[in-house]
Amino acid sequence: MESLGAKGGGRMNGRTERVYAEIAAKRVLRDWIRPDNGLYNLYCYINWDIGDKDATLDGLFNAEQLEAIAWWMRNKGEKGEE
């Protein structure tokens, strides 16, 4: 997903790339993010709790949403992650 990676030819360190990727994921996931960093949305059903290896999805999701969900699960999946 281009919007979750670095754009342009400039060099970014790993932390900067992660910050930009998190901003992009938050833009896509918006109000699906719970205060504990889990994901939930009733309309296009998604439910994922911090620490779970799997998410429950039941609805129509585009590639950008699926990539943002996957990024979020990989990077926010540990309990206590900020």
Protein backbone atom coordinates (compact mmCIF):
# COMPACT_ATOMS: atom_id res chain seq x y z
CA MET A 1 0.00 0.00 0.00
CA GLU A 2 1.74 3.10 -1.18
CA SER A 3 0.09 5.33 1.42
CA LEU A 4 1.49 3.19 4.25
CA GLY A 5 5.05 3.41 2.98
CA ALA A 6 7.52 6.17 2.32
CA LYS A 7 6.71 8.35 -0.66
CA GLY A 8 9.20 9.91 -3.01
CA GLY A 9 12.89 9.20 -3.30
CA GLY A 10 13.92 10.68 0.05
CA ARG A 11 15.48 8.55 2.73
CA MET A 12 13.73 8.02 6.04
CA ASN A 13 14.94 6.16 9.06
CA GLY A 14 12.88 3.27 10.42
CA ARG A 15 11.20 5.34 13.14
CA THR A 16 10.16 8.04 10.68
CA GLU A 17 8.77 5.43 8.28
CA ARG A 18 6.80 3.85 11.13
CA VAL A 19 5.35 7.22 12.16
CA TYR A 20 4.26 7.97 8.58
CA ALA A 21 2.80 4.46 8.21
CA GLU A 22 0.89 4.85 11.48
CA ILE A 23 -0.53 8.20 10.37
CA ALA A 24 -1.64 6.62 7.08
CA ALA A 25 -3.21 3.64 8.88
CA LYS A 26 -5.06 5.96 11.28
CA ARG A 27 -6.36 7.95 8.31
CA VAL A 28 -7.82 4.77 6.80
CA LEU A 29 -9.07 3.13 10.00
CA ARG A 30 -10.31 6.35 11.68
CA ASP A 31 -13.10 5.56 14.12
CA TRP A 32 -12.49 1.80 13.95
CA ILE A 33 -9.62 2.22 16.43
CA ARG A 34 -10.72 1.62 20.01
CA PRO A 35 -9.08 3.42 22.96
CA ASP A 36 -7.11 0.23 23.74
CA ASN A 37 -5.80 0.17 20.10
CA GLY A 38 -8.03 -2.78 19.19
CA LEU A 39 -10.24 -2.47 16.08
CA TYR A 40 -14.02 -2.60 15.93
CA ASN A 41 -16.69 -1.51 13.46
CA LEU A 42 -20.23 -2.84 13.33
CA TYR A 43 -21.14 -1.56 9.84
CA CYS A 44 -18.45 -3.42 7.89
CA TYR A 45 -17.86 -5.83 10.71
CA ILE A 46 -14.35 -5.99 12.09
CA ASN A 47 -13.36 -7.08 15.55
CA TRP A 48 -9.77 -7.47 16.71
CA ASP A 49 -8.34 -7.34 20.22
CA ILE A 50 -4.76 -6.49 21.16
CA GLY A 51 -2.81 -9.71 21.52
CA ASP A 52 -5.05 -11.72 19.17
CA LYS A 53 -3.41 -13.30 16.14
CA ASP A 54 -6.65 -13.23 14.15
CA ALA A 55 -9.31 -10.64 13.38
CA THR A 56 -12.96 -11.31 12.55
CA LEU A 57 -13.99 -9.59 9.30
CA ASP A 58 -17.40 -9.76 7.66
CA GLY A 59 -18.11 -7.13 5.07
CA LEU A 60 -16.73 -5.34 2.07
CA PHE A 61 -13.19 -4.02 2.53
CA ASN A 62 -10.98 -2.43 -0.12
CA ALA A 63 -7.27 -3.18 -0.47
CA GLU A 64 -6.26 0.01 1.36
CA GLN A 65 -8.43 -0.94 4.35
CA LEU A 66 -7.11 -4.51 4.41
CA GLU A 67 -3.50 -3.31 4.24
CA ALA A 68 -4.14 -0.79 7.03
CA ILE A 69 -5.76 -3.51 9.16
CA ALA A 70 -2.79 -5.82 8.57
CA TRP A 71 -0.31 -3.04 9.40
CA TRP A 72 -2.22 -2.19 12.57
CA MET A 73 -2.32 -5.81 13.71
CA ARG A 74 1.41 -6.31 13.06
CA ASN A 75 2.49 -3.06 14.70
CA LYS A 76 -0.06 -2.64 17.51
CA GLY A 77 -0.58 -6.30 18.30
CA GLU A 78 1.38 -6.53 21.51
CA LYS A 79 -0.42 -5.76 24.74
CA GLY A 80 0.75 -2.46 26.15
CA GLU A 81 1.83 -1.06 22.76
CA GLU A 82 1.34 2.70 22.56
